[in-house]
Structure formats: C-alpha cells, structure tokens
Amino acid sequence: MTIDRFNSNDRLSAAATFEALVFLSGQVPTQSEDITAQTQEVLSKIDALLAETGSDKDHILNATIYLQNIQRDFAAMNAVWSAWLSAGKAPTRTTLQAELARPQVLVEISVIAVRH
C-alpha cells in the first residue's frame, strides 16, 4: 500500500495517489481576474496535475466546484467547463457557493480521478 504525494508542502499536497486513484486538492487561480479566465486557468492546472500523476480529464470520476458567487458566475463557469470536457466523459459533479480563501478567488475545483 503506497501513497504518493505531489507538490507537497507542510500543509498539503497538490495531488496524492493511492493505487489507481488520484486525488487533487482544490485548485485556485493565481493571476486571472474574471470567472471565465479563472476557470480556464484552474482547468489548465488540473490538466497538468493529472498528467503528472498518470491521468487526464477523461478519467475524472468526480469534481467539486466552489464558486464565490454562484448566481453571478455559474453560467460562465459552466460554459468553460463544458467546452473543456471530452464528449461523453462528464464526471459526477457538485457545484456550490462558498466563501473562498481570498476575495479575488472566484472559483476553486477539486477532482478525484483514476490513472489510465
């Protein structure tokens, strides 16, 4: 039974794997200002982490999406999300409103995937 951790610090790991499972910590934007650009940035970070762990977006089992303002940002986030997904590969998903770590962060996404 081996657990591998990726991009770790004293508080958390960006990703952890156990057997075929891949767990990503919530990913947040660092530079973007609007919800569309922030969602694109976060999904790009997810792509990179999944690749590093031996997976990809087509192997996501579950996603949790946190929005700072669900009423304002849901449609725009959802448009970017839908364009990013491969046809027929949509994971289970929960989207909710939450007070996020910093006021400029509009979206945070965490996923569970399997390695291919």
N, C-alpha and C. Protein backbone atom coordinates (compact mmCIF):
# COMPACT_ATOMS: atom_id res chain seq x y z
N MET A 1 0.85 -1.17 0.00
CA MET A 1 0.00 0.00 0.00
C MET A 1 0.90 1.23 0.00
N THR A 2 0.95 1.90 -1.14
CA THR A 2 1.80 3.08 -1.29
C THR A 2 0.95 4.30 -1.63
N ILE A 3 1.21 5.36 -0.91
CA ILE A 3 0.60 6.66 -1.22
C ILE A 3 1.71 7.56 -1.73
N ASP A 4 1.53 8.11 -2.91
CA ASP A 4 2.49 9.07 -3.46
C ASP A 4 1.87 10.46 -3.38
N ARG A 5 2.69 11.42 -3.01
CA ARG A 5 2.23 12.80 -2.87
C ARG A 5 3.02 13.68 -3.85
N PHE A 6 2.33 14.65 -4.42
CA PHE A 6 2.92 15.52 -5.44
C PHE A 6 2.81 16.97 -5.01
N ASN A 7 3.87 17.72 -5.26
CA ASN A 7 3.90 19.16 -4.97
C ASN A 7 3.44 19.45 -3.54
N SER A 8 4.13 18.83 -2.60
CA SER A 8 3.75 18.94 -1.19
C SER A 8 4.48 20.07 -0.49
N ASN A 9 3.83 20.58 0.55
CA ASN A 9 4.47 21.49 1.49
C ASN A 9 4.07 21.04 2.89
N ASP A 10 4.29 21.86 3.90
CA ASP A 10 3.97 21.47 5.27
C ASP A 10 2.48 21.30 5.52
N ARG A 11 1.63 21.92 4.71
CA ARG A 11 0.18 21.91 4.95
C ARG A 11 -0.60 20.96 4.07
N LEU A 12 -0.14 20.75 2.82
CA LEU A 12 -0.94 19.96 1.89
C LEU A 12 -0.12 19.50 0.71
N SER A 13 -0.70 18.58 -0.03
CA SER A 13 -0.14 18.14 -1.30
C SER A 13 -1.11 18.56 -2.40
N ALA A 14 -0.58 18.97 -3.53
CA ALA A 14 -1.45 19.35 -4.65
C ALA A 14 -2.19 18.13 -5.18
N ALA A 15 -1.54 16.95 -5.07
CA ALA A 15 -2.16 15.71 -5.51
C ALA A 15 -1.61 14.56 -4.68
N ALA A 16 -2.43 13.53 -4.57
CA ALA A 16 -2.00 12.29 -3.93
C ALA A 16 -2.60 11.13 -4.71
N THR A 17 -1.83 10.04 -4.80
CA THR A 17 -2.33 8.85 -5.48
C THR A 17 -2.28 7.67 -4.52
N PHE A 18 -3.24 6.80 -4.68
CA PHE A 18 -3.29 5.54 -3.96
C PHE A 18 -3.81 4.49 -4.93
N GLU A 19 -2.96 3.52 -5.24
CA GLU A 19 -3.27 2.53 -6.25
C GLU A 19 -3.69 3.26 -7.53
N ALA A 20 -4.89 3.01 -8.06
CA ALA A 20 -5.29 3.66 -9.31
C ALA A 20 -5.98 5.00 -9.09
N LEU A 21 -6.22 5.38 -7.84
CA LEU A 21 -6.95 6.63 -7.56
C LEU A 21 -6.03 7.84 -7.49
N VAL A 22 -6.54 8.96 -7.99
CA VAL A 22 -5.83 10.24 -7.97
C VAL A 22 -6.74 11.27 -7.30
N PHE A 23 -6.21 11.93 -6.28
CA PHE A 23 -6.96 12.96 -5.55
C PHE A 23 -6.23 14.29 -5.73
N LEU A 24 -6.93 15.29 -6.24
CA LEU A 24 -6.35 16.62 -6.37
C LEU A 24 -6.94 17.56 -5.33
N SER A 25 -6.08 18.32 -4.69
CA SER A 25 -6.54 19.38 -3.80
C SER A 25 -7.28 20.42 -4.62
N GLY A 26 -8.06 21.24 -3.96
CA GLY A 26 -8.74 22.31 -4.66
C GLY A 26 -7.73 23.22 -5.35
N GLN A 27 -7.94 23.43 -6.64
CA GLN A 27 -7.06 24.29 -7.43
C GLN A 27 -7.70 25.66 -7.59
N VAL A 28 -6.90 26.69 -7.39
CA VAL A 28 -7.39 28.06 -7.49
C VAL A 28 -6.54 28.84 -8.48
N PRO A 29 -7.09 29.90 -9.04
CA PRO A 29 -6.32 30.73 -9.97
C PRO A 29 -5.33 31.59 -9.21
N THR A 30 -4.30 32.01 -9.93
CA THR A 30 -3.30 32.89 -9.31
C THR A 30 -3.22 34.25 -9.98
N GLN A 31 -3.67 34.35 -11.25
CA GLN A 31 -3.47 35.60 -11.98
C GLN A 31 -4.73 36.17 -12.60
N SER A 32 -5.65 35.36 -12.95
CA SER A 32 -6.80 35.80 -13.73
C SER A 32 -7.77 36.63 -12.90
N GLU A 33 -8.58 37.45 -13.60
CA GLU A 33 -9.47 38.35 -12.90
C GLU A 33 -10.94 38.00 -13.02
N ASP A 34 -11.41 37.52 -14.18
CA ASP A 34 -12.84 37.22 -14.31
C ASP A 34 -13.08 35.73 -14.24
N ILE A 35 -14.32 35.33 -14.08
CA ILE A 35 -14.65 33.92 -13.86
C ILE A 35 -14.26 33.04 -15.05
N THR A 36 -14.40 33.54 -16.26
CA THR A 36 -14.03 32.75 -17.43
C THR A 36 -12.54 32.46 -17.43
N ALA A 37 -11.73 33.48 -17.27
CA ALA A 37 -10.28 33.30 -17.26
C ALA A 37 -9.84 32.48 -16.04
N GLN A 38 -10.46 32.69 -14.89
CA GLN A 38 -10.10 31.92 -13.71
C GLN A 38 -10.42 30.44 -13.90
N THR A 39 -11.58 30.15 -14.46
CA THR A 39 -11.94 28.75 -14.69
C THR A 39 -10.98 28.11 -15.68
N GLN A 40 -10.63 28.80 -16.75
CA GLN A 40 -9.66 28.28 -17.72
C GLN A 40 -8.31 28.01 -17.05
N GLU A 41 -7.86 28.93 -16.21
CA GLU A 41 -6.58 28.76 -15.51
C GLU A 41 -6.62 27.54 -14.59
N VAL A 42 -7.69 27.40 -13.83
CA VAL A 42 -7.82 26.27 -12.91
C VAL A 42 -7.86 24.95 -13.67
N LEU A 43 -8.60 24.89 -14.76
CA LEU A 43 -8.68 23.66 -15.54
C LEU A 43 -7.33 23.31 -16.17
N SER A 44 -6.56 24.31 -16.54
CA SER A 44 -5.21 24.08 -17.05
C SER A 44 -4.31 23.49 -15.95
N LYS A 45 -4.45 23.99 -14.73
CA LYS A 45 -3.69 23.44 -13.61
C LYS A 45 -4.09 22.00 -13.34
N ILE A 46 -5.38 21.71 -13.44
CA ILE A 46 -5.87 20.35 -13.25
C ILE A 46 -5.31 19.42 -14.33
N ASP A 47 -5.31 19.88 -15.59
CA ASP A 47 -4.72 19.09 -16.67
C ASP A 47 -3.26 18.74 -16.35
N ALA A 48 -2.49 19.71 -15.90
CA ALA A 48 -1.07 19.49 -15.62
C ALA A 48 -0.88 18.51 -14.46
N LEU A 49 -1.63 18.67 -13.40
CA LEU A 49 -1.51 17.76 -12.25
C LEU A 49 -1.94 16.34 -12.60
N LEU A 50 -3.02 16.23 -13.35
CA LEU A 50 -3.47 14.90 -13.76
C LEU A 50 -2.40 14.22 -14.63
N ALA A 51 -1.80 14.96 -15.53
CA ALA A 51 -0.74 14.39 -16.37
C ALA A 51 0.44 13.93 -15.51
N GLU A 52 0.79 14.73 -14.51
CA GLU A 52 1.90 14.39 -13.63
C GLU A 52 1.63 13.10 -12.83
N THR A 53 0.37 12.83 -12.56
CA THR A 53 0.00 11.66 -11.76
C THR A 53 -0.40 10.45 -12.62
N GLY A 54 -0.34 10.58 -13.94
CA GLY A 54 -0.67 9.46 -14.83
C GLY A 54 -2.14 9.37 -15.18
N SER A 55 -2.82 10.51 -15.19
CA SER A 55 -4.24 10.52 -15.53
C SER A 55 -4.52 11.66 -16.50
N ASP A 56 -5.78 11.89 -16.77
CA ASP A 56 -6.20 13.02 -17.58
C ASP A 56 -7.68 13.30 -17.32
N LYS A 57 -8.18 14.36 -17.93
CA LYS A 57 -9.56 14.79 -17.67
C LYS A 57 -10.60 13.74 -18.04
N ASP A 58 -10.28 12.86 -18.98
CA ASP A 58 -11.24 11.82 -19.37
C ASP A 58 -11.38 10.73 -18.31
N HIS A 59 -10.51 10.76 -17.31
CA HIS A 59 -10.54 9.75 -16.25
C HIS A 59 -10.97 10.35 -14.90
N ILE A 60 -11.57 11.54 -14.94
CA ILE A 60 -12.10 12.14 -13.71
C ILE A 60 -13.39 11.42 -13.34
N LEU A 61 -13.46 10.99 -12.10
CA LEU A 61 -14.67 10.35 -11.59
C LEU A 61 -15.63 11.36 -10.98
N ASN A 62 -15.05 12.33 -10.24
CA ASN A 62 -15.87 13.28 -9.50
C ASN A 62 -15.18 14.62 -9.43
N ALA A 63 -15.96 15.68 -9.52
CA ALA A 63 -15.44 17.05 -9.38
C ALA A 63 -16.32 17.81 -8.40
N THR A 64 -15.66 18.64 -7.60
CA THR A 64 -16.38 19.56 -6.72
C THR A 64 -15.94 20.96 -7.10
N ILE A 65 -16.90 21.80 -7.43
CA ILE A 65 -16.62 23.17 -7.88
C ILE A 65 -17.22 24.14 -6.87
N TYR A 66 -16.37 25.02 -6.36
CA TYR A 66 -16.79 26.04 -5.41
C TYR A 66 -16.77 27.39 -6.12
N LEU A 67 -17.87 28.11 -6.06
CA LEU A 67 -17.96 29.44 -6.64
C LEU A 67 -18.20 30.46 -5.54
N GLN A 68 -17.51 31.57 -5.65
CA GLN A 68 -17.72 32.65 -4.68
C GLN A 68 -19.14 33.22 -4.78
N ASN A 69 -19.63 33.34 -6.01
CA ASN A 69 -20.98 33.86 -6.23
C ASN A 69 -21.65 33.00 -7.31
N ILE A 70 -22.41 32.02 -6.88
CA ILE A 70 -22.98 31.04 -7.81
C ILE A 70 -24.00 31.69 -8.75
N GLN A 71 -24.77 32.62 -8.26
CA GLN A 71 -25.79 33.26 -9.10
C GLN A 71 -25.14 34.04 -10.24
N ARG A 72 -24.09 34.77 -9.94
CA ARG A 72 -23.41 35.59 -10.94
C ARG A 72 -22.55 34.75 -11.90
N ASP A 73 -21.85 33.74 -11.38
CA ASP A 73 -20.77 33.10 -12.13
C ASP A 73 -21.06 31.70 -12.67
N PHE A 74 -22.18 31.09 -12.28
CA PHE A 74 -22.42 29.70 -12.66
C PHE A 74 -22.44 29.50 -14.18
N ALA A 75 -23.18 30.30 -14.90
CA ALA A 75 -23.32 30.11 -16.35
C ALA A 75 -21.98 30.23 -17.07
N ALA A 76 -21.19 31.24 -16.72
CA ALA A 76 -19.90 31.44 -17.38
C ALA A 76 -18.92 30.31 -17.04
N MET A 77 -18.88 29.92 -15.77
CA MET A 77 -18.01 28.80 -15.37
C MET A 77 -18.44 27.53 -16.10
N ASN A 78 -19.73 27.29 -16.13
CA ASN A 78 -20.26 26.07 -16.74
C ASN A 78 -19.95 26.01 -18.24
N ALA A 79 -19.96 27.14 -18.91
CA ALA A 79 -19.62 27.18 -20.34
C ALA A 79 -18.17 26.75 -20.56
N VAL A 80 -17.25 27.25 -19.73
CA VAL A 80 -15.84 26.87 -19.85
C VAL A 80 -15.68 25.39 -19.51
N TRP A 81 -16.32 24.95 -18.44
CA TRP A 81 -16.26 23.55 -18.01
C TRP A 81 -16.74 22.62 -19.13
N SER A 82 -17.89 22.93 -19.70
CA SER A 82 -18.48 22.09 -20.74
C SER A 82 -17.59 22.02 -21.99
N ALA A 83 -16.98 23.15 -22.35
CA ALA A 83 -16.08 23.17 -23.51
C ALA A 83 -14.81 22.36 -23.25
N TRP A 84 -14.38 22.30 -22.00
CA TRP A 84 -13.17 21.58 -21.63
C TRP A 84 -13.36 20.07 -21.64
N LEU A 85 -14.53 19.60 -21.25
CA LEU A 85 -14.78 18.16 -21.18
C LEU A 85 -14.80 17.52 -22.56
N SER A 86 -14.35 16.28 -22.63
CA SER A 86 -14.47 15.50 -23.86
C SER A 86 -15.90 14.95 -23.94
N ALA A 87 -16.41 14.83 -25.14
CA ALA A 87 -17.78 14.32 -25.33
C ALA A 87 -17.94 12.95 -24.69
N GLY A 88 -18.99 12.79 -23.94
CA GLY A 88 -19.30 11.52 -23.31
C GLY A 88 -18.45 11.17 -22.10
N LYS A 89 -17.65 12.11 -21.59
CA LYS A 89 -16.72 11.83 -20.49
C LYS A 89 -17.01 12.68 -19.26
N ALA A 90 -18.24 13.16 -19.11
CA ALA A 90 -18.57 14.02 -17.97
C ALA A 90 -18.54 13.22 -16.66
N PRO A 91 -17.83 13.74 -15.65
CA PRO A 91 -17.80 13.07 -14.35
C PRO A 91 -19.02 13.44 -13.52
N THR A 92 -19.18 12.79 -12.38
CA THR A 92 -20.16 13.28 -11.43
C THR A 92 -19.63 14.63 -10.93
N ARG A 93 -20.55 15.49 -10.48
CA ARG A 93 -20.11 16.83 -10.12
C ARG A 93 -21.04 17.46 -9.10
N THR A 94 -20.45 18.23 -8.20
CA THR A 94 -21.20 19.06 -7.27
C THR A 94 -20.69 20.48 -7.44
N THR A 95 -21.60 21.43 -7.52
CA THR A 95 -21.22 22.84 -7.60
C THR A 95 -21.94 23.57 -6.48
N LEU A 96 -21.18 24.36 -5.72
CA LEU A 96 -21.80 25.08 -4.62
C LEU A 96 -21.13 26.42 -4.41
N GLN A 97 -21.83 27.27 -3.69
CA GLN A 97 -21.29 28.58 -3.34
C GLN A 97 -20.55 28.47 -2.03
N ALA A 98 -19.39 29.14 -1.96
CA ALA A 98 -18.58 29.09 -0.74
C ALA A 98 -17.77 30.36 -0.60
N GLU A 99 -17.48 30.71 0.63
CA GLU A 99 -16.54 31.79 0.88
C GLU A 99 -15.15 31.21 0.69
N LEU A 100 -14.43 31.70 -0.31
CA LEU A 100 -13.14 31.12 -0.66
C LEU A 100 -12.01 31.83 0.08
N ALA A 101 -10.82 31.29 -0.01
CA ALA A 101 -9.69 31.72 0.83
C ALA A 101 -9.29 33.19 0.66
N ARG A 102 -9.42 33.70 -0.55
CA ARG A 102 -9.06 35.10 -0.81
C ARG A 102 -10.19 35.74 -1.60
N PRO A 103 -10.45 37.01 -1.40
CA PRO A 103 -11.58 37.67 -2.07
C PRO A 103 -11.49 37.67 -3.59
N GLN A 104 -10.29 37.65 -4.15
CA GLN A 104 -10.13 37.67 -5.61
C GLN A 104 -10.34 36.30 -6.24
N VAL A 105 -10.39 35.24 -5.45
CA VAL A 105 -10.61 33.89 -5.98
C VAL A 105 -12.11 33.69 -6.18
N LEU A 106 -12.50 33.47 -7.43
CA LEU A 106 -13.91 33.30 -7.77
C LEU A 106 -14.31 31.84 -7.92
N VAL A 107 -13.32 30.95 -8.14
CA VAL A 107 -13.61 29.53 -8.37
C VAL A 107 -12.48 28.67 -7.80
N GLU A 108 -12.86 27.52 -7.26
CA GLU A 108 -11.91 26.50 -6.81
C GLU A 108 -12.49 25.16 -7.23
N ILE A 109 -11.63 24.30 -7.77
CA ILE A 109 -12.09 22.99 -8.25
C ILE A 109 -11.18 21.89 -7.72
N SER A 110 -11.79 20.85 -7.15
CA SER A 110 -11.04 19.66 -6.76
C SER A 110 -11.63 18.47 -7.51
N VAL A 111 -10.78 17.48 -7.80
CA VAL A 111 -11.24 16.31 -8.54
C VAL A 111 -10.65 15.03 -7.96
N ILE A 112 -11.36 13.95 -8.24
CA ILE A 112 -10.89 12.59 -7.99
C ILE A 112 -10.91 11.89 -9.34
N ALA A 113 -9.81 11.25 -9.67
CA ALA A 113 -9.70 10.58 -10.97
C ALA A 113 -9.05 9.21 -10.78
N VAL A 114 -8.94 8.48 -11.88
CA VAL A 114 -8.18 7.23 -11.89
C VAL A 114 -7.06 7.34 -12.91
N ARG A 115 -6.02 6.61 -12.65
CA ARG A 115 -4.91 6.56 -13.61
C ARG A 115 -5.31 5.69 -14.80
N HIS A 116 -4.74 6.00 -15.95
CA HIS A 116 -5.05 5.17 -17.12
C HIS A 116 -3.90 4.27 -17.46
